[in-house]
Protein backbone atom coordinates (compact mmCIF):
# COMPACT_ATOMS: atom_id res chain seq x y z
CA UNK A 1 45.40 -9.99 -37.42
CA UNK A 2 41.93 -8.65 -38.22
CA UNK A 3 39.79 -7.33 -35.56
CA UNK A 4 36.48 -8.75 -35.20
CA UNK A 5 33.34 -6.80 -34.18
CA UNK A 6 29.88 -7.19 -33.02
CA UNK A 7 27.22 -5.41 -34.72
CA UNK A 8 26.90 -2.87 -31.64
CA UNK A 9 30.63 -2.46 -31.87
CA UNK A 10 30.41 -1.60 -35.68
CA UNK A 11 27.58 0.66 -35.25
CA UNK A 12 29.54 2.42 -32.22
CA UNK A 13 32.46 2.74 -34.69
CA UNK A 14 30.21 4.46 -37.23
CA UNK A 15 28.73 6.91 -34.76
CA UNK A 16 32.07 7.63 -32.99
CA UNK A 17 33.74 8.44 -36.27
CA UNK A 18 31.31 11.06 -37.07
CA UNK A 19 31.00 12.54 -33.37
CA UNK A 20 34.68 12.60 -32.45
CA UNK A 21 36.37 13.02 -35.73
CA UNK A 22 33.66 14.88 -37.75
CA UNK A 23 33.87 12.50 -40.75
CA UNK A 24 30.34 12.61 -42.20
CA UNK A 25 28.73 9.25 -42.47
CA UNK A 26 27.92 10.15 -46.20
CA UNK A 27 31.66 10.07 -46.93
CA UNK A 28 32.06 6.76 -45.14
CA UNK A 29 29.15 5.39 -47.30
CA UNK A 30 30.96 6.78 -50.41
CA UNK A 31 34.31 5.13 -49.41
CA UNK A 32 32.52 1.78 -48.75
CA UNK A 33 30.91 2.06 -52.25
CA UNK A 34 34.18 2.93 -53.96
CA UNK A 35 36.11 0.18 -52.33
CA UNK A 36 33.60 -2.45 -52.81
CA UNK A 37 33.10 -1.37 -56.39
CA UNK A 38 36.68 -1.77 -57.12
CA UNK A 39 36.98 -5.20 -55.21
CA UNK A 40 33.97 -6.66 -57.13
CA UNK A 41 35.39 -5.20 -60.80
CA UNK A 42 38.60 -6.52 -60.09
CA UNK A 43 37.54 -9.94 -58.93
CA UNK A 44 34.64 -10.60 -61.20
CA UNK A 45 34.83 -8.07 -64.09
CA UNK A 46 30.99 -8.22 -64.40
CA UNK A 47 29.40 -6.98 -67.61
CA UNK A 48 25.70 -6.95 -66.00
CA UNK A 49 24.95 -6.86 -62.28
CA UNK A 50 21.66 -6.43 -60.55
CA UNK A 51 21.23 -4.87 -57.12
CA UNK A 52 18.71 -5.79 -54.03
CA UNK A 53 18.79 -2.68 -52.12
CA UNK A 54 16.77 -2.52 -48.55
CA UNK A 55 15.44 0.66 -46.76
CA UNK A 56 18.27 1.07 -44.51
CA UNK A 57 21.95 1.94 -44.91
CA UNK A 58 22.83 -1.39 -46.28
CA UNK A 59 20.43 -0.48 -49.19
CA UNK A 60 22.18 2.81 -49.22
CA UNK A 61 25.61 1.26 -49.88
CA UNK A 62 24.02 -1.10 -52.64
CA UNK A 63 22.65 2.11 -54.52
CA UNK A 64 25.93 4.01 -54.18
CA UNK A 65 27.83 1.00 -55.60
CA UNK A 66 25.28 0.66 -58.47
CA UNK A 67 26.14 4.22 -59.24
CA UNK A 68 29.72 3.33 -59.57
CA UNK A 69 29.05 0.59 -62.12
CA UNK A 70 26.58 2.71 -64.02
CA UNK A 71 29.28 5.14 -64.35
CA UNK A 72 31.77 2.88 -65.60
CA UNK A 73 29.36 1.81 -68.50
CA UNK A 74 28.67 -1.41 -66.72
CA UNK A 75 24.85 -2.69 -67.08
CA UNK A 76 22.71 -2.44 -63.84
CA UNK A 77 19.13 -2.92 -62.60
CA UNK A 78 18.23 -1.94 -59.16
CA UNK A 79 15.39 -3.56 -57.22
CA UNK A 80 14.58 -1.15 -54.21
CA UNK A 81 12.47 -3.11 -51.70
CA UNK A 82 10.15 -0.44 -50.22
CA UNK A 83 6.52 0.84 -50.96
CA UNK A 84 7.69 4.36 -50.85
CA UNK A 85 11.06 6.14 -51.03
CA UNK A 86 9.95 7.95 -47.99
CA UNK A 87 10.49 4.98 -45.87
CA UNK A 88 14.15 4.92 -46.68
CA UNK A 89 16.97 5.77 -44.14
CA UNK A 90 18.23 9.43 -44.79
CA UNK A 91 21.34 8.56 -46.59
CA UNK A 92 19.38 6.12 -48.90
CA UNK A 93 16.85 8.76 -49.70
CA UNK A 94 20.10 10.79 -50.70
CA UNK A 95 21.34 8.04 -52.81
CA UNK A 96 17.99 7.61 -54.68
CA UNK A 97 17.93 11.33 -55.48
CA UNK A 98 21.28 11.07 -56.94
CA UNK A 99 20.36 8.10 -59.07
CA UNK A 100 17.13 9.78 -60.31
CA UNK A 101 19.23 12.86 -61.30
CA UNK A 102 21.41 10.36 -63.41
CA UNK A 103 18.15 9.03 -64.91
CA UNK A 104 18.94 5.51 -63.56
CA UNK A 105 15.72 3.58 -63.12
CA UNK A 106 14.77 2.07 -59.82
CA UNK A 107 12.29 -0.91 -59.54
CA UNK A 108 10.09 -0.50 -56.48
CA UNK A 109 9.21 -3.67 -54.63
CA UNK A 110 6.78 -3.15 -51.83
CA UNK A 111 4.32 -6.13 -51.89
CA UNK A 112 4.17 -9.57 -53.36
CA UNK A 113 2.95 -8.29 -56.33
CA UNK A 114 5.74 -6.05 -57.28
CA UNK A 115 8.09 -8.84 -56.52
CA UNK A 116 6.41 -11.24 -58.67
CA UNK A 117 6.56 -9.00 -61.61
CA UNK A 118 10.39 -8.84 -61.14
CA UNK A 119 11.11 -12.38 -59.86
CA UNK A 120 12.08 -13.77 -63.17
CA UNK A 121 14.65 -10.95 -63.79
CA UNK A 122 16.07 -11.38 -60.45
CA UNK A 123 16.64 -15.00 -60.81
CA UNK A 124 18.20 -14.51 -64.22
CA UNK A 125 20.85 -11.97 -63.28
CA UNK A 126 24.34 -13.32 -63.64
CA UNK A 127 25.37 -11.20 -60.41
CA UNK A 128 23.17 -10.29 -57.45
CA UNK A 129 24.44 -7.60 -55.05
CA UNK A 130 22.87 -8.20 -51.74
CA UNK A 131 22.18 -4.84 -49.78
CA UNK A 132 18.67 -6.02 -48.55
CA UNK A 133 19.65 -5.97 -44.73
CA UNK A 134 22.72 -5.25 -42.68
CA UNK A 135 24.16 -5.77 -39.26
CA UNK A 136 21.03 -4.37 -37.40
CA UNK A 137 19.00 -7.44 -37.71
CA UNK A 138 17.75 -8.60 -34.24
CA UNK A 139 14.93 -11.22 -35.43
CA UNK A 140 14.14 -13.72 -38.11
CA UNK A 141 13.12 -12.41 -41.54
CA UNK A 142 9.60 -12.41 -42.15
CA UNK A 143 7.12 -11.63 -44.85
CA UNK A 144 8.28 -10.50 -48.31
CA UNK A 145 11.97 -10.46 -47.41
CA UNK A 146 11.61 -14.24 -46.18
CA UNK A 147 10.11 -15.15 -49.37
CA UNK A 148 12.69 -13.42 -51.32
CA UNK A 149 15.58 -14.94 -49.58
CA UNK A 150 14.08 -18.45 -49.68
CA UNK A 151 13.39 -18.11 -53.46
CA UNK A 152 16.80 -16.85 -54.21
CA UNK A 153 18.50 -19.76 -52.11
CA UNK A 154 16.25 -22.41 -53.84
CA UNK A 155 16.47 -21.30 -57.46
CA UNK A 156 19.33 -18.91 -58.22
CA UNK A 157 22.39 -20.15 -60.16
CA UNK A 158 24.46 -16.88 -60.32
CA UNK A 159 26.72 -15.07 -58.07
CA UNK A 160 25.38 -13.58 -55.00
CA UNK A 161 27.75 -10.74 -53.52
CA UNK A 162 27.07 -9.66 -50.12
CA UNK A 163 27.48 -6.21 -48.67
CA UNK A 164 28.85 -6.32 -45.18
CA UNK A 165 26.90 -9.38 -44.10
CA UNK A 166 24.66 -11.87 -45.96
CA UNK A 167 21.01 -10.69 -45.55
CA UNK A 168 19.22 -12.50 -42.58
CA UNK A 169 22.71 -13.02 -40.78
CA UNK A 170 22.98 -11.27 -37.19
CA UNK A 171 25.95 -9.35 -36.64
CA UNK A 172 25.87 -10.77 -33.12
CA UNK A 173 25.76 -14.14 -31.64
CA UNK A 174 22.08 -14.93 -32.59
CA UNK A 175 21.50 -17.08 -35.48
CA UNK A 176 18.17 -17.06 -37.38
CA UNK A 177 16.84 -18.61 -40.62
CA UNK A 178 16.68 -18.09 -43.59
CA UNK A 179 19.86 -16.55 -44.48
CA UNK A 180 20.81 -15.50 -48.12
CA UNK A 181 23.89 -17.71 -49.14
CA UNK A 182 26.57 -15.51 -50.62
CA UNK A 183 29.32 -16.78 -52.94
CA UNK A 184 31.42 -13.84 -51.11
CA UNK A 185 30.73 -11.26 -48.66
CA UNK A 186 32.59 -7.82 -48.79
CA UNK A 187 32.46 -6.88 -45.20
CA UNK A 188 33.06 -3.23 -44.09
CA UNK A 189 36.43 -2.69 -42.71
CA UNK A 190 36.33 -5.86 -40.39
CA UNK A 191 34.52 -9.18 -40.26
CA UNK A 192 31.33 -9.50 -37.92
CA UNK A 193 31.27 -12.07 -35.30
CA UNK A 194 28.68 -14.37 -36.44
CA UNK A 195 30.64 -14.59 -39.98
CA UNK A 196 33.55 -16.65 -38.44
CA UNK A 197 31.92 -19.76 -37.07
CA UNK A 198 29.32 -22.15 -38.14
CA UNK A 199 26.36 -21.98 -39.02
CA UNK A 200 26.78 -18.35 -40.03
CA UNK A 201 30.09 -18.90 -41.78
CA UNK A 202 28.56 -21.32 -44.28
CA UNK A 203 26.30 -18.57 -45.78
CA UNK A 204 29.13 -15.83 -46.30
CA UNK A 205 31.47 -17.61 -49.00
CA UNK A 206 34.78 -16.08 -49.31
CA UNK A 207 35.03 -13.30 -46.71
CA UNK A 208 36.76 -10.07 -48.23
CA UNK A 209 37.37 -7.20 -45.66
CA UNK A 210 37.28 -3.86 -47.13
CA UNK A 211 38.74 -0.82 -45.42
CA UNK A 212 36.92 2.35 -45.60
CA UNK A 213 38.94 5.05 -43.57
CA UNK A 214 37.74 4.70 -39.86
CA UNK A 215 40.13 6.28 -37.59
CA UNK A 216 42.84 3.76 -36.32
CA UNK A 217 42.50 5.07 -32.68
CA UNK A 218 38.77 4.13 -32.74
CA UNK A 219 39.29 0.98 -34.63
CA UNK A 220 41.88 -0.69 -32.27
CA UNK A 221 40.59 0.78 -28.94
CA UNK A 222 39.50 -1.82 -26.32
CA UNK A 223 39.15 -4.76 -28.89
CA UNK A 224 39.59 -8.28 -27.71
CA UNK A 225 38.53 -10.46 -30.61
CA UNK A 226 40.60 -11.27 -33.52
CA UNK A 227 41.06 -13.41 -36.77
CA UNK A 228 44.45 -14.62 -37.16
CA UNK A 229 45.79 -14.85 -40.68
CA UNK A 230 48.76 -16.44 -42.23
CA UNK A 231 50.69 -13.26 -42.53
CA UNK A 232 50.40 -12.97 -38.78
CA UNK A 233 52.29 -16.48 -38.01
CA UNK A 234 55.76 -16.10 -36.42
CA UNK A 235 58.26 -18.78 -37.16
CA UNK A 236 61.25 -20.01 -35.13
CA UNK A 237 64.30 -18.41 -36.41
CA UNK A 238 66.91 -21.12 -37.32
CA UNK A 239 70.66 -19.89 -37.77
CA UNK A 240 73.24 -21.78 -39.58
CA UNK A 241 76.01 -21.74 -36.76
CA UNK A 242 73.41 -22.89 -34.07
CA UNK A 243 73.22 -26.19 -32.28
CA UNK A 244 70.65 -28.61 -30.83
CA UNK A 245 70.35 -26.51 -27.65
CA UNK A 246 69.11 -23.48 -29.33
CA UNK A 247 65.83 -24.87 -30.24
CA UNK A 248 64.81 -26.04 -26.92
CA UNK A 249 64.07 -29.18 -25.00
CA UNK A 250 60.44 -30.84 -25.04
CA UNK A 251 59.23 -33.76 -23.06
CA UNK A 252 56.11 -35.85 -23.93
CA UNK A 253 54.10 -37.80 -21.30
CA UNK A 254 51.98 -39.75 -23.49
CA UNK A 255 50.81 -43.33 -24.59
CA UNK A 256 49.57 -46.36 -22.68
CA UNK A 257 49.29 -49.91 -23.83
CA UNK A 258 45.81 -49.31 -24.88
CA UNK A 259 46.76 -46.09 -26.94
CA UNK A 260 50.13 -46.45 -28.26
CA UNK A 261 49.36 -44.69 -31.61
CA UNK A 262 48.55 -41.26 -29.72
CA UNK A 263 52.19 -41.37 -28.42
CA UNK A 264 53.61 -41.94 -31.84
CA UNK A 265 51.66 -39.31 -33.47
CA UNK A 266 52.35 -36.75 -30.93
CA UNK A 267 55.98 -37.31 -30.83
CA UNK A 268 56.34 -37.48 -34.60
CA UNK A 269 54.64 -34.07 -34.78
CA UNK A 270 56.98 -32.65 -32.00
CA UNK A 271 59.92 -33.67 -34.37
CA UNK A 272 58.46 -32.06 -37.02
CA UNK A 273 58.39 -28.81 -35.25
CA UNK A 274 62.17 -28.59 -35.13
CA UNK A 275 62.46 -28.80 -31.30
CA UNK A 276 66.11 -29.41 -30.40
CA UNK A 277 65.74 -32.23 -27.94
CA UNK A 278 62.80 -34.52 -27.71
CA UNK A 279 62.41 -36.69 -24.56
CA UNK A 280 59.85 -39.34 -23.72
CA UNK A 281 58.35 -40.90 -20.77
CA UNK A 282 55.75 -43.26 -21.00
CA UNK A 283 54.54 -47.10 -21.56
CA UNK A 284 55.50 -47.49 -25.29
CA UNK A 285 59.28 -46.81 -25.21
CA UNK A 286 59.81 -49.73 -27.51
CA UNK A 287 57.51 -48.65 -30.38
CA UNK A 288 58.79 -45.25 -29.69
CA UNK A 289 62.41 -46.12 -30.22
CA UNK A 290 61.76 -48.32 -33.34
CA UNK A 291 59.91 -45.54 -34.88
CA UNK A 292 61.88 -42.56 -33.74
CA UNK A 293 65.46 -43.39 -32.81
CA UNK A 294 66.00 -39.51 -32.40
CA UNK A 295 64.09 -39.58 -29.31
CA UNK A 296 65.58 -39.71 -25.74
CA UNK A 297 63.72 -42.23 -23.58
CA UNK A 298 63.40 -41.50 -19.76
CA UNK A 299 62.71 -44.31 -17.10
CA UNK A 300 62.10 -41.58 -14.42
CA UNK A 301 61.52 -37.74 -14.27
CA UNK A 302 63.67 -35.95 -11.74
CA UNK A 303 64.42 -32.45 -12.99
CA UNK A 304 61.69 -30.66 -14.54
CA UNK A 305 63.55 -27.31 -15.13
CA UNK A 306 65.53 -29.23 -17.72
CA UNK A 307 62.59 -28.81 -20.16
CA UNK A 308 61.49 -25.75 -22.11
CA UNK A 309 58.15 -27.42 -22.79
CA UNK A 310 55.90 -30.39 -21.51
CA UNK A 311 52.88 -32.09 -23.28
CA UNK A 312 51.00 -34.58 -21.10
CA UNK A 313 47.90 -36.41 -22.04
CA UNK A 314 47.58 -37.98 -25.44
CA UNK A 315 46.73 -41.50 -24.84
CA UNK A 316 48.04 -41.16 -21.30
CA UNK A 317 45.47 -43.30 -19.43
CA UNK A 318 43.96 -42.67 -16.05
CA UNK A 319 46.50 -43.41 -13.68
CA UNK A 320 48.77 -40.39 -13.71
CA UNK A 321 47.14 -37.93 -11.33
CA UNK A 322 50.19 -37.78 -8.94
CA UNK A 323 52.61 -36.85 -11.84
CA UNK A 324 50.06 -34.46 -13.01
CA UNK A 325 49.93 -32.68 -9.84
CA UNK A 326 53.66 -32.58 -9.87
CA UNK A 327 53.76 -30.83 -13.14
CA UNK A 328 51.12 -28.30 -12.19
CA UNK A 329 52.75 -27.54 -9.06
CA UNK A 330 56.64 -27.58 -10.10
CA UNK A 331 56.85 -26.82 -13.78
CA UNK A 332 57.12 -23.29 -14.59
CA UNK A 333 57.55 -23.43 -18.27
CA UNK A 334 55.28 -23.97 -21.15
CA UNK A 335 52.89 -26.75 -20.38
CA UNK A 336 50.23 -28.24 -22.74
CA UNK A 337 47.57 -30.45 -21.14
CA UNK A 338 45.69 -32.69 -23.69
CA UNK A 339 43.13 -35.61 -23.77
CA UNK A 340 43.55 -37.73 -20.48
CA UNK A 341 45.19 -35.09 -18.59
CA UNK A 342 42.18 -32.95 -19.40
CA UNK A 343 39.98 -35.78 -17.88
CA UNK A 344 42.11 -36.04 -14.98
CA UNK A 345 41.72 -32.15 -14.21
CA UNK A 346 38.03 -32.36 -14.84
CA UNK A 347 37.75 -34.31 -11.61
CA UNK A 348 39.62 -31.38 -9.76
CA UNK A 349 39.66 -28.15 -11.87
CA UNK A 350 41.17 -26.34 -8.75
CA UNK A 351 44.51 -27.72 -9.62
CA UNK A 352 44.70 -25.13 -12.35
CA UNK A 353 44.23 -22.33 -9.70
CA UNK A 354 47.12 -19.77 -10.23
CA UNK A 355 48.80 -21.51 -13.04
CA UNK A 356 50.38 -19.77 -15.81
CA UNK A 357 52.35 -20.78 -19.05
CA UNK A 358 49.64 -23.43 -19.39
CA UNK A 359 47.70 -24.36 -22.48
CA UNK A 360 44.61 -26.54 -22.36
CA UNK A 361 43.61 -28.16 -25.80
CA UNK A 362 39.97 -29.49 -25.13
CA UNK A 363 37.53 -30.39 -27.93
CA UNK A 364 33.87 -29.72 -27.13
CA UNK A 365 33.17 -32.78 -25.04
CA UNK A 366 36.19 -32.34 -23.01
CA UNK A 367 35.71 -28.65 -22.30
CA UNK A 368 32.05 -29.51 -21.17
CA UNK A 369 33.72 -31.99 -18.71
CA UNK A 370 36.02 -29.37 -17.45
CA UNK A 371 33.29 -26.77 -17.02
CA UNK A 372 30.08 -28.88 -16.37
CA UNK A 373 28.28 -27.20 -19.24
CA UNK A 374 26.21 -28.81 -22.05
CA UNK A 375 28.00 -29.56 -25.17
CA UNK A 376 25.55 -27.84 -27.44
CA UNK A 377 25.26 -24.86 -25.42
CA UNK A 378 29.03 -24.52 -25.59
CA UNK A 379 29.21 -24.87 -29.42
CA UNK A 380 26.82 -22.11 -29.59
CA UNK A 381 28.37 -19.93 -26.99
CA UNK A 382 32.16 -20.42 -27.35
CA UNK A 383 33.10 -17.06 -26.20
CA UNK A 384 30.81 -16.94 -23.46
CA UNK A 385 31.81 -20.33 -22.34
CA UNK A 386 35.64 -19.39 -22.50
CA UNK A 387 35.13 -16.39 -20.70
CA UNK A 388 33.16 -17.93 -17.70
CA UNK A 389 36.13 -20.42 -17.33
CA UNK A 390 38.47 -17.71 -17.29
CA UNK A 391 36.84 -16.03 -14.14
CA UNK A 392 38.62 -18.85 -11.95
CA UNK A 393 41.57 -19.28 -14.18
CA UNK A 394 42.37 -15.99 -15.86
CA UNK A 395 46.08 -17.08 -16.63
CA UNK A 396 45.33 -20.52 -18.20
CA UNK A 397 45.17 -20.51 -22.22
CA UNK A 398 42.49 -22.63 -23.64
CA UNK A 399 42.44 -23.76 -27.37
CA UNK A 400 38.84 -24.84 -27.70
CA UNK A 401 38.97 -27.10 -30.68
CA UNK A 402 36.28 -27.43 -33.26
CA UNK A 403 35.57 -26.84 -37.09
CA UNK A 404 36.59 -23.41 -36.20
CA UNK A 405 38.79 -23.21 -33.17
CA UNK A 406 39.16 -20.45 -30.70
CA UNK A 407 42.30 -19.60 -28.68
CA UNK A 408 41.65 -17.84 -25.39
CA UNK A 409 44.84 -16.20 -24.16
CA UNK A 410 44.82 -13.53 -21.48
CA UNK A 411 41.83 -11.28 -22.27
CA UNK A 412 41.93 -11.91 -25.93
CA UNK A 413 40.18 -14.49 -28.26
CA UNK A 414 41.49 -15.61 -31.60
CA UNK A 415 39.62 -17.30 -34.19
CA UNK A 416 41.58 -19.82 -36.18
CA UNK A 417 39.95 -21.04 -39.08
CA UNK A 418 42.37 -23.39 -40.79
CA UNK A 419 41.24 -26.81 -41.03
CA UNK A 420 37.82 -28.57 -42.07
CA UNK A 421 36.14 -31.94 -41.66
CA UNK A 422 39.44 -33.38 -43.28
CA UNK A 423 40.60 -33.26 -39.61
CA UNK A 424 37.56 -35.28 -38.24
CA UNK A 425 39.53 -38.40 -37.55
CA UNK A 426 40.70 -39.74 -34.19
CA UNK A 427 44.65 -38.66 -33.86
CA UNK A 428 44.52 -35.15 -35.28
CA UNK A 429 44.28 -33.88 -31.82
CA UNK A 430 47.42 -35.74 -30.82
CA UNK A 431 49.25 -34.13 -33.85
CA UNK A 432 48.17 -30.70 -32.94
CA UNK A 433 49.22 -31.10 -29.27
CA UNK A 434 52.58 -32.58 -30.37
CA UNK A 435 53.31 -29.48 -32.73
CA UNK A 436 52.20 -27.13 -29.88
CA UNK A 437 54.68 -28.82 -27.58
CA UNK A 438 57.59 -28.77 -30.01
CA UNK A 439 56.86 -25.27 -31.02
CA UNK A 440 56.70 -24.06 -27.41
CA UNK A 441 60.09 -24.80 -26.78
CA UNK A 442 61.12 -22.19 -29.48
CA UNK A 443 58.21 -19.59 -29.42
CA UNK A 444 55.73 -18.10 -26.92
CA UNK A 445 52.92 -20.21 -26.34
CA UNK A 446 50.36 -18.14 -28.14
CA UNK A 447 52.61 -18.20 -31.31
CA UNK A 448 53.13 -21.90 -31.11
CA UNK A 449 49.28 -22.39 -31.09
CA UNK A 450 48.79 -20.12 -34.10
CA UNK A 451 51.61 -21.94 -36.08
CA UNK A 452 50.48 -25.59 -35.11
CA UNK A 453 46.98 -24.67 -36.11
CA UNK A 454 47.95 -23.67 -39.47
CA UNK A 455 50.19 -26.46 -40.25
CA UNK A 456 47.78 -29.16 -38.93
CA UNK A 457 44.70 -27.65 -40.73
CA UNK A 458 46.45 -26.52 -43.78
CA UNK A 459 48.09 -29.46 -44.46
CA UNK A 460 44.85 -31.72 -43.87
CA UNK A 461 43.06 -29.24 -46.47
CA UNK A 462 45.50 -29.56 -48.89
CA UNK A 463 45.87 -33.46 -48.89
CA UNK A 464 41.86 -33.78 -49.05
CA UNK A 465 42.18 -31.54 -52.24
CA UNK A 466 44.89 -33.60 -53.61
CA UNK A 467 43.48 -37.01 -52.86
CA UNK A 468 39.91 -35.63 -53.45
CA UNK A 469 38.82 -37.27 -50.25
CA UNK A 470 36.83 -35.81 -47.48
CA UNK A 471 39.07 -36.75 -44.74
CA UNK A 472 42.80 -37.64 -44.04
CA UNK A 473 44.61 -40.27 -42.15
CA UNK A 474 46.34 -38.29 -39.32
CA UNK A 475 49.59 -40.58 -40.02
CA UNK A 476 49.41 -39.20 -43.63
CA UNK A 477 49.16 -35.56 -42.38
CA UNK A 478 52.21 -36.12 -40.16
CA UNK A 479 54.39 -37.06 -43.26
CA UNK A 480 53.30 -34.03 -45.30
CA UNK A 481 53.58 -31.02 -43.31
CA UNK A 482 56.02 -29.77 -45.94
CA UNK A 483 52.97 -28.97 -48.14
CA UNK A 484 51.83 -26.11 -45.56
CA UNK A 485 55.47 -25.14 -44.89
CA UNK A 486 55.66 -24.66 -48.77
CA UNK A 487 52.59 -22.28 -48.28
CA UNK A 488 54.38 -20.33 -45.49
CA UNK A 489 57.59 -19.74 -47.73
CA UNK A 490 55.41 -17.57 -50.19
CA UNK A 491 54.70 -15.30 -47.15
CA UNK A 492 57.24 -13.18 -45.46
CA UNK A 493 56.47 -14.22 -41.95
CA UNK A 494 58.40 -12.70 -39.05
CA UNK A 495 60.87 -15.01 -37.27
CA UNK A 496 62.20 -14.78 -33.55
CA UNK A 497 64.82 -16.56 -31.59
CA UNK A 498 64.21 -17.54 -27.93
CA UNK A 499 67.65 -18.60 -27.13
């Protein structure tokens, strides 16, 4: 699991590494240069590479990386965007002095005339290393740098490789344009917050984290935002001598005469999770029984303690408030609330007071109804919106679904990047909720969300690629989860048994 930092946190990490551990900032820059040089060389094997270096330490990184390529007999050309080397940061001045002693030419670009004299060379380069601006940006680009970024975005045909962040992208939550559109971003140590969600994500290309030797106690101290990776997933352990009771009991409260498909999709996904026994209570019993004879149909609910997990909401309709209140007051195991259950709660959010072991799975509009906040504001301020909600309901977990989903669990936030517009069809949320409910009978609630998000998103992406289609029917996703399971088999994921 990768830690995710804001620009302020990243700058503090730099400072404290030097102040508290005595590791010089020049050593960190040299470490970054060596690691990024190796990563680029191994990935691209360039024979010629050009560098765009700004006045700050991001430019210093670019200069140090350029030296590494030069010393490995790879053709380089360096454009230093300043009218005087005296205007550079101290570390960048040091890097230019080293380059000059090695007789490596620097092409200074301090004004429009200088830029026009080099523009053709820049646009013809097979590779451009972007070291113009780093994480310290607090306002939109203007003047010469704005022109350079716009020209490259419009006319450059080669590979742009950004150092830490693409130039123009803030390392915090602000988004400004223009931003240099990178093919790949070699980010120092950890991703920065604006790189993981749109629109910033669309400018980063492939994100490659490059460790440079920050002390572990500093790196992990008081961190609350993470990016979940496939290697972090935990799977239910299955034993050859086990029985159905070892894998939990799941109840689905779903489906109305108007929305029978939601019940079928959610139930089918829950079965795919491997839950030991699946129960169903709702209005579409006949359809469920025909499609899934494995499911146990209930005509009433008496003992909630029988179940390890319950899902309520997909296609549920509006007339279930009494049953929802009973779930919230009496059921203490893993409870997943989706769709119509969320709509019912939005009328009286105080029903969630003091709830634990509860997961809400809203999309942006549903979360807007829950919180009373504007959908567009929530989309631009997801972490803040989730934090505000947590003030009143600190023990309720929320999976805020979007093109990049975020799970708020306890005091931590987890970015889940699996999936794309291939999931932009009605019913994909029913699948996700069903998976979560089935896995929640076998795994901790948080781990069930991670695994469900991976299976749903990865399967959709793989199918979209295979079918060369921008979107995939949820019923097709349901029948092809094995594609994503096959991907997991390549990774040595940890397994646990909750029996």
